[in-house]
């Protein structure tokens, strides 16, 4: 019997939790069993991991394989455990040394050809790994710039499973983190209040709300300029400080809407839900993995509810709208 332990991270909400991925190889009919409260996408990982290992030039162990995700009471969702599961199985099969995986955390989804694909929620996952004192974090190359935002974290970008195994076996050096492009982030395309002609009282109200961080209620007939003024409110807000920028970026990362070439959001976000948006779209939804709603995505920024008649009917009795 052979046993190996590898670490990964489960993201619940916007917080990461360290998870031990154990692989046990025993005699018996060749099969792979996954335990530890996995969701449907994790059950499908058995076929993804096997195909990725074989297509990366390594032999899949013809033994009874049991993969456990611990703590077993913690829900696990998503495909970000693929890379850790593959490394754990190959470590139990003595393909990679145990001391090489002991000081690393592995995050990433595997394609059938062995490529390591980007996953959402990498920033809170790396924050959890760094907080637990892990030396190195292996992440998909497309998430490397986002992961490098965490102070003190040593990031090892992974393009494919073969490259990860070569680094673990000492046959190659881990590549460096590619530089992030200076792509404008969320909020930098906001309109300018200088484009508004007239509306002196409305402009003053928007400026006071931006200066003091106040809520703003605008009432008037259609076409009077309410939406025009609200769309230009983010342009008056100052850039986010580093702490707030990390919070906003983590939320957008978990929601899967973080721009690929802009790892850190430094401008306040702006969200304007359609009047038919459901309560689940606003507050978030999900069972095992909760996806942040539009209200959460507007954290530290502006949430503009325009002509929200459906919300009035839904919450009017409770909130007095």
Protein backbone atom coordinates (compact mmCIF):
# COMPACT_ATOMS: atom_id res chain seq x y z
CA UNK A 1 0.00 0.00 0.00
CA UNK A 2 1.27 3.50 -0.90
CA UNK A 3 -0.02 6.78 0.52
CA UNK A 4 0.70 10.40 -0.42
CA UNK A 5 -0.56 13.75 0.87
CA UNK A 6 -0.84 16.95 -1.16
CA UNK A 7 -2.45 20.25 -0.19
CA UNK A 8 -5.06 22.25 -2.08
CA UNK A 9 -7.53 25.00 -1.17
CA UNK A 10 -11.34 25.02 -1.06
CA UNK A 11 -12.99 28.42 -1.50
CA UNK A 12 -16.24 28.96 0.39
CA UNK A 13 -17.77 32.35 -0.27
CA UNK A 14 -14.72 34.61 -0.51
CA UNK A 15 -12.57 32.72 2.02
CA UNK A 16 -10.10 29.93 1.33
CA UNK A 17 -9.68 26.82 3.48
CA UNK A 18 -6.69 24.51 3.27
CA UNK A 19 -7.56 20.97 2.17
CA UNK A 20 -5.45 17.81 2.36
CA UNK A 21 -5.68 15.62 -0.74
CA UNK A 22 -4.69 12.05 0.16
CA UNK A 23 -4.14 9.33 -2.42
CA UNK A 24 -4.00 5.68 -1.40
CA UNK A 25 -2.91 2.96 -3.83
CA UNK A 26 -3.91 -0.56 -2.83
CA UNK A 27 -4.21 -3.98 -4.43
CA UNK A 28 -7.51 -4.80 -6.08
CA UNK A 29 -9.50 -4.08 -9.20
CA UNK A 30 -8.26 -0.90 -10.93
CA UNK A 31 -10.62 1.94 -10.14
CA UNK A 32 -10.61 5.40 -8.59
CA UNK A 33 -12.85 6.35 -5.67
CA UNK A 34 -13.27 9.95 -4.55
CA UNK A 35 -14.41 10.76 -1.00
CA UNK A 36 -14.63 13.88 1.18
CA UNK A 37 -17.91 15.62 0.27
CA UNK A 38 -17.13 16.37 -3.41
CA UNK A 39 -19.67 17.92 -5.78
CA UNK A 40 -20.58 16.72 -9.27
CA UNK A 41 -17.73 18.55 -11.01
CA UNK A 42 -15.25 16.93 -8.63
CA UNK A 43 -16.61 13.46 -9.40
CA UNK A 44 -15.91 14.17 -13.07
CA UNK A 45 -12.31 14.97 -12.12
CA UNK A 46 -11.53 11.24 -12.01
CA UNK A 47 -11.69 11.03 -15.82
CA UNK A 48 -9.99 14.40 -16.35
CA UNK A 49 -7.06 13.50 -14.09
CA UNK A 50 -6.52 10.08 -15.63
CA UNK A 51 -6.55 11.43 -19.20
CA UNK A 52 -4.22 14.31 -18.26
CA UNK A 53 -1.69 11.96 -16.65
CA UNK A 54 -1.66 9.55 -19.60
CA UNK A 55 -1.44 12.35 -22.20
CA UNK A 56 1.44 13.90 -20.24
CA UNK A 57 3.55 10.81 -20.88
CA UNK A 58 3.11 9.01 -17.56
CA UNK A 59 1.59 5.64 -16.75
CA UNK A 60 -1.64 5.58 -14.79
CA UNK A 61 -1.37 3.18 -11.81
CA UNK A 62 -3.40 0.00 -12.47
CA UNK A 63 -4.44 -0.31 -8.84
CA UNK A 64 -7.35 0.52 -6.60
CA UNK A 65 -7.00 4.26 -5.97
CA UNK A 66 -8.78 6.07 -3.17
CA UNK A 67 -8.54 9.89 -3.13
CA UNK A 68 -9.75 11.65 0.01
CA UNK A 69 -10.35 15.37 0.50
CA UNK A 70 -10.07 16.37 4.14
CA UNK A 71 -11.58 17.76 6.30
CA UNK A 72 -14.42 15.59 5.08
CA UNK A 73 -17.08 17.89 6.56
CA UNK A 74 -16.01 20.84 4.40
CA UNK A 75 -17.90 21.09 1.07
CA UNK A 76 -15.65 20.95 -1.99
CA UNK A 77 -16.76 22.34 -5.32
CA UNK A 78 -15.24 23.17 -8.67
CA UNK A 79 -12.39 21.84 -10.74
CA UNK A 80 -9.53 23.53 -8.88
CA UNK A 81 -8.55 20.25 -7.18
CA UNK A 82 -7.56 18.48 -10.42
CA UNK A 83 -3.87 19.34 -10.26
CA UNK A 84 -3.55 18.36 -6.60
CA UNK A 85 -5.29 15.04 -7.23
CA UNK A 86 -3.01 14.19 -10.14
CA UNK A 87 0.13 15.04 -8.16
CA UNK A 88 -1.11 13.05 -5.16
CA UNK A 89 -1.73 9.93 -7.25
CA UNK A 90 1.66 10.17 -8.96
CA UNK A 91 3.37 10.84 -5.64
CA UNK A 92 1.79 7.71 -4.18
CA UNK A 93 3.06 5.84 -7.25
CA UNK A 94 6.61 7.14 -6.53
CA UNK A 95 6.74 9.21 -9.72
CA UNK A 96 7.50 12.41 -7.76
CA UNK A 97 9.27 12.62 -4.37
CA UNK A 98 7.16 13.28 -1.30
CA UNK A 99 9.49 16.01 0.00
CA UNK A 100 8.91 18.04 -3.18
CA UNK A 101 5.15 18.24 -2.66
CA UNK A 102 5.23 18.70 1.13
CA UNK A 103 5.93 22.43 0.97
CA UNK A 104 3.59 23.30 -1.88
CA UNK A 105 -0.10 23.95 -2.51
CA UNK A 106 -1.53 22.99 -5.90
CA UNK A 107 -4.41 24.85 -7.56
CA UNK A 108 -5.65 24.32 -11.10
CA UNK A 109 -7.98 22.53 -13.49
CA UNK A 110 -6.58 19.92 -15.88
CA UNK A 111 -7.51 19.62 -19.53
CA UNK A 112 -7.52 16.17 -21.10
CA UNK A 113 -4.21 16.88 -22.83
CA UNK A 114 -2.54 17.89 -19.55
CA UNK A 115 -2.80 21.67 -19.83
CA UNK A 116 -3.48 23.53 -16.57
CA UNK A 117 -6.46 25.81 -16.99
CA UNK A 118 -7.34 28.91 -14.99
CA UNK A 119 -9.88 28.66 -12.17
CA UNK A 120 -11.87 31.30 -10.25
CA UNK A 121 -11.08 32.23 -6.68
CA UNK A 122 -7.28 32.01 -6.90
CA UNK A 123 -6.64 35.18 -4.88
CA UNK A 124 -8.53 34.07 -1.72
CA UNK A 125 -7.02 30.61 -2.14
CA UNK A 126 -3.46 31.96 -2.17
CA UNK A 127 -4.28 34.24 0.76
CA UNK A 128 -5.33 31.16 2.75
CA UNK A 129 -2.20 29.26 1.73
CA UNK A 130 0.08 32.13 2.69
CA UNK A 131 -1.75 32.54 5.99
CA UNK A 132 -1.09 28.87 6.75
CA UNK A 133 2.63 29.34 6.19
CA UNK A 134 2.94 27.45 2.90
CA UNK A 135 6.21 28.22 1.10
CA UNK A 136 5.12 27.84 -2.53
CA UNK A 137 1.83 27.86 -4.43
CA UNK A 138 1.47 26.24 -7.86
CA UNK A 139 -1.25 28.00 -9.89
CA UNK A 140 -2.29 28.11 -13.56
CA UNK A 141 -0.13 30.45 -15.59
CA UNK A 142 -3.20 32.56 -16.46
CA UNK A 143 -3.82 33.12 -12.72
CA UNK A 144 -0.19 33.80 -11.82
CA UNK A 145 -0.38 37.60 -11.90
CA UNK A 146 -3.48 37.51 -9.68
CA UNK A 147 -1.82 35.10 -7.22
CA UNK A 148 1.33 37.25 -7.07
CA UNK A 149 -0.68 40.03 -5.40
CA UNK A 150 -0.43 38.18 -2.07
CA UNK A 151 2.58 39.49 -0.10
CA UNK A 152 5.16 36.85 0.75
CA UNK A 153 3.69 34.15 -1.49
CA UNK A 154 6.12 32.38 -3.81
CA UNK A 155 4.14 31.65 -6.95
CA UNK A 156 5.04 28.88 -9.41
CA UNK A 157 3.04 29.26 -12.66
CA UNK A 158 1.99 25.99 -14.29
CA UNK A 159 1.29 25.69 -18.00
CA UNK A 160 0.81 21.92 -18.09
CA UNK A 161 1.05 18.84 -15.89
CA UNK A 162 4.27 17.66 -17.54
CA UNK A 163 6.00 20.91 -16.59
CA UNK A 164 4.80 20.67 -12.98
CA UNK A 165 6.09 17.11 -12.68
CA UNK A 166 9.44 18.12 -14.19
CA UNK A 167 9.84 20.82 -11.53
CA UNK A 168 8.87 18.44 -8.73
CA UNK A 169 11.38 15.84 -9.95
CA UNK A 170 14.15 18.42 -10.11
CA UNK A 171 14.51 18.27 -13.90
CA UNK A 172 13.42 21.88 -14.50
CA UNK A 173 13.14 25.21 -12.76
CA UNK A 174 9.77 26.80 -12.02
CA UNK A 175 9.06 29.67 -14.46
CA UNK A 176 8.69 33.21 -13.21
CA UNK A 177 5.43 35.10 -12.95
CA UNK A 178 4.66 36.90 -16.24
CA UNK A 179 4.20 40.67 -15.93
CA UNK A 180 0.62 41.91 -15.81
CA UNK A 181 -0.54 44.17 -18.62
CA UNK A 182 -1.66 47.66 -17.77
CA UNK A 183 -5.23 47.05 -18.92
CA UNK A 184 -7.79 49.51 -17.54
CA UNK A 185 -9.71 47.82 -14.75
CA UNK A 186 -13.34 48.04 -13.69
CA UNK A 187 -14.44 51.63 -13.20
CA UNK A 188 -11.81 53.41 -15.31
CA UNK A 189 -14.25 53.69 -18.21
CA UNK A 190 -16.80 55.60 -16.09
CA UNK A 191 -18.22 58.77 -17.54
CA UNK A 192 -17.05 62.21 -16.55
CA UNK A 193 -19.35 64.57 -14.66
CA UNK A 194 -17.99 67.37 -16.86
CA UNK A 195 -20.06 65.89 -19.70
CA UNK A 196 -23.29 66.86 -17.89
CA UNK A 197 -24.70 70.22 -18.93
CA UNK A 198 -26.83 72.04 -16.37
CA UNK A 199 -28.30 69.88 -13.57
CA UNK A 200 -26.66 72.02 -10.90
CA UNK A 201 -28.65 70.51 -8.03
CA UNK A 202 -28.20 66.98 -9.30
CA UNK A 203 -24.47 67.51 -9.75
CA UNK A 204 -24.19 68.87 -6.22
CA UNK A 205 -26.04 65.87 -4.81
CA UNK A 206 -23.74 63.44 -6.64
CA UNK A 207 -20.63 65.31 -5.50
CA UNK A 208 -21.77 65.34 -1.86
CA UNK A 209 -22.57 61.62 -1.99
CA UNK A 210 -19.14 60.85 -3.44
CA UNK A 211 -17.30 63.05 -0.97
CA UNK A 212 -19.04 61.68 2.12
CA UNK A 213 -19.70 58.09 1.05
CA UNK A 214 -23.47 58.63 1.37
CA UNK A 215 -26.37 56.77 -0.15
CA UNK A 216 -28.29 58.72 -2.77
CA UNK A 217 -31.97 58.61 -3.70
CA UNK A 218 -32.98 60.31 -6.96
CA UNK A 219 -36.59 60.90 -7.92
CA UNK A 220 -37.96 62.50 -11.03
CA UNK A 221 -39.76 61.87 -14.34
CA UNK A 222 -38.14 59.71 -17.05
CA UNK A 223 -35.52 61.59 -19.02
CA UNK A 224 -34.65 64.03 -16.25
CA UNK A 225 -31.04 62.77 -16.02
CA UNK A 226 -31.06 60.38 -13.04
CA UNK A 227 -29.26 57.54 -14.82
CA UNK A 228 -26.86 59.96 -16.51
CA UNK A 229 -25.78 61.35 -13.13
CA UNK A 230 -25.54 57.92 -11.49
CA UNK A 231 -23.38 56.55 -14.32
CA UNK A 232 -20.86 59.33 -13.66
CA UNK A 233 -20.72 58.92 -9.89
CA UNK A 234 -17.87 56.30 -9.98
CA UNK A 235 -15.68 58.82 -11.80
CA UNK A 236 -15.74 61.05 -8.70
CA UNK A 237 -14.59 58.31 -6.31
CA UNK A 238 -10.90 58.02 -5.41
CA UNK A 239 -8.89 54.88 -6.22
CA UNK A 240 -9.20 52.01 -3.75
CA UNK A 241 -6.48 51.59 -1.14
CA UNK A 242 -4.53 48.32 -1.20
CA UNK A 243 -6.69 46.57 1.40
CA UNK A 244 -9.96 47.48 -0.31
CA UNK A 245 -8.51 46.61 -3.71
CA UNK A 246 -7.66 43.10 -2.50
CA UNK A 247 -11.18 42.66 -1.11
CA UNK A 248 -12.81 43.78 -4.35
CA UNK A 249 -10.45 41.69 -6.46
CA UNK A 250 -11.14 38.59 -4.32
CA UNK A 251 -14.90 38.98 -4.80
CA UNK A 252 -14.55 39.40 -8.56
CA UNK A 253 -12.16 36.45 -8.67
CA UNK A 254 -14.65 34.15 -6.91
CA UNK A 255 -17.41 35.41 -9.21
CA UNK A 256 -15.25 34.52 -12.23
CA UNK A 257 -15.41 38.03 -13.74
CA UNK A 258 -11.89 39.24 -13.00
CA UNK A 259 -10.27 40.59 -16.20
CA UNK A 260 -7.62 38.15 -17.39
CA UNK A 261 -4.92 40.79 -17.92
CA UNK A 262 -5.78 43.02 -14.97
CA UNK A 263 -5.16 41.12 -11.73
CA UNK A 264 -5.77 43.99 -9.27
CA UNK A 265 -8.87 46.19 -9.40
CA UNK A 266 -7.91 49.64 -8.18
CA UNK A 267 -11.04 51.56 -9.24
CA UNK A 268 -14.40 51.33 -7.40
CA UNK A 269 -16.70 48.92 -9.24
CA UNK A 270 -20.07 49.97 -10.65
CA UNK A 271 -23.09 47.70 -10.99
CA UNK A 272 -26.48 48.63 -12.41
CA UNK A 273 -28.82 45.59 -12.36
CA UNK A 274 -31.55 45.34 -14.94
CA UNK A 275 -35.02 45.98 -13.55
CA UNK A 276 -35.86 42.28 -14.14
CA UNK A 277 -32.93 41.05 -12.01
CA UNK A 278 -33.99 38.40 -9.52
CA UNK A 279 -33.16 38.53 -5.79
CA UNK A 280 -30.72 35.65 -6.34
CA UNK A 281 -28.86 37.68 -8.96
CA UNK A 282 -28.57 40.57 -6.53
CA UNK A 283 -27.59 38.81 -3.30
CA UNK A 284 -25.86 35.75 -4.80
CA UNK A 285 -26.84 32.13 -5.08
CA UNK A 286 -25.48 28.62 -4.96
CA UNK A 287 -25.53 25.56 -2.72
CA UNK A 288 -22.03 24.19 -2.19
CA UNK A 289 -20.27 27.17 -3.80
CA UNK A 290 -21.94 30.57 -3.41
CA UNK A 291 -21.46 32.91 -6.35
CA UNK A 292 -21.38 36.59 -5.31
CA UNK A 293 -24.33 38.59 -6.57
CA UNK A 294 -24.36 42.05 -8.07
CA UNK A 295 -24.62 43.70 -4.65
CA UNK A 296 -21.42 41.94 -3.53
CA UNK A 297 -19.71 42.75 -6.82
CA UNK A 298 -20.35 46.44 -6.12
CA UNK A 299 -18.48 46.25 -2.80
CA UNK A 300 -16.51 49.48 -2.16
CA UNK A 301 -18.16 50.96 -5.23
CA UNK A 302 -21.59 51.94 -6.54
CA UNK A 303 -24.76 49.82 -6.77
CA UNK A 304 -27.37 51.68 -8.84
CA UNK A 305 -30.94 50.32 -8.73
CA UNK A 306 -32.70 51.94 -11.67
CA UNK A 307 -36.46 51.51 -12.16
CA UNK A 308 -36.37 48.50 -9.79
CA UNK A 309 -40.10 47.82 -9.76
CA UNK A 310 -39.69 44.06 -9.25
CA UNK A 311 -37.56 44.65 -6.15
CA UNK A 312 -40.23 46.93 -4.73
CA UNK A 313 -42.86 44.24 -5.09
CA UNK A 314 -40.53 41.62 -3.58
CA UNK A 315 -39.24 43.53 -0.57
CA UNK A 316 -41.71 46.39 -0.19
CA UNK A 317 -43.50 45.03 2.87
CA UNK A 318 -40.30 44.26 4.76
CA UNK A 319 -38.27 47.35 3.95
CA UNK A 320 -40.89 50.04 3.46
CA UNK A 321 -40.02 51.03 -0.08
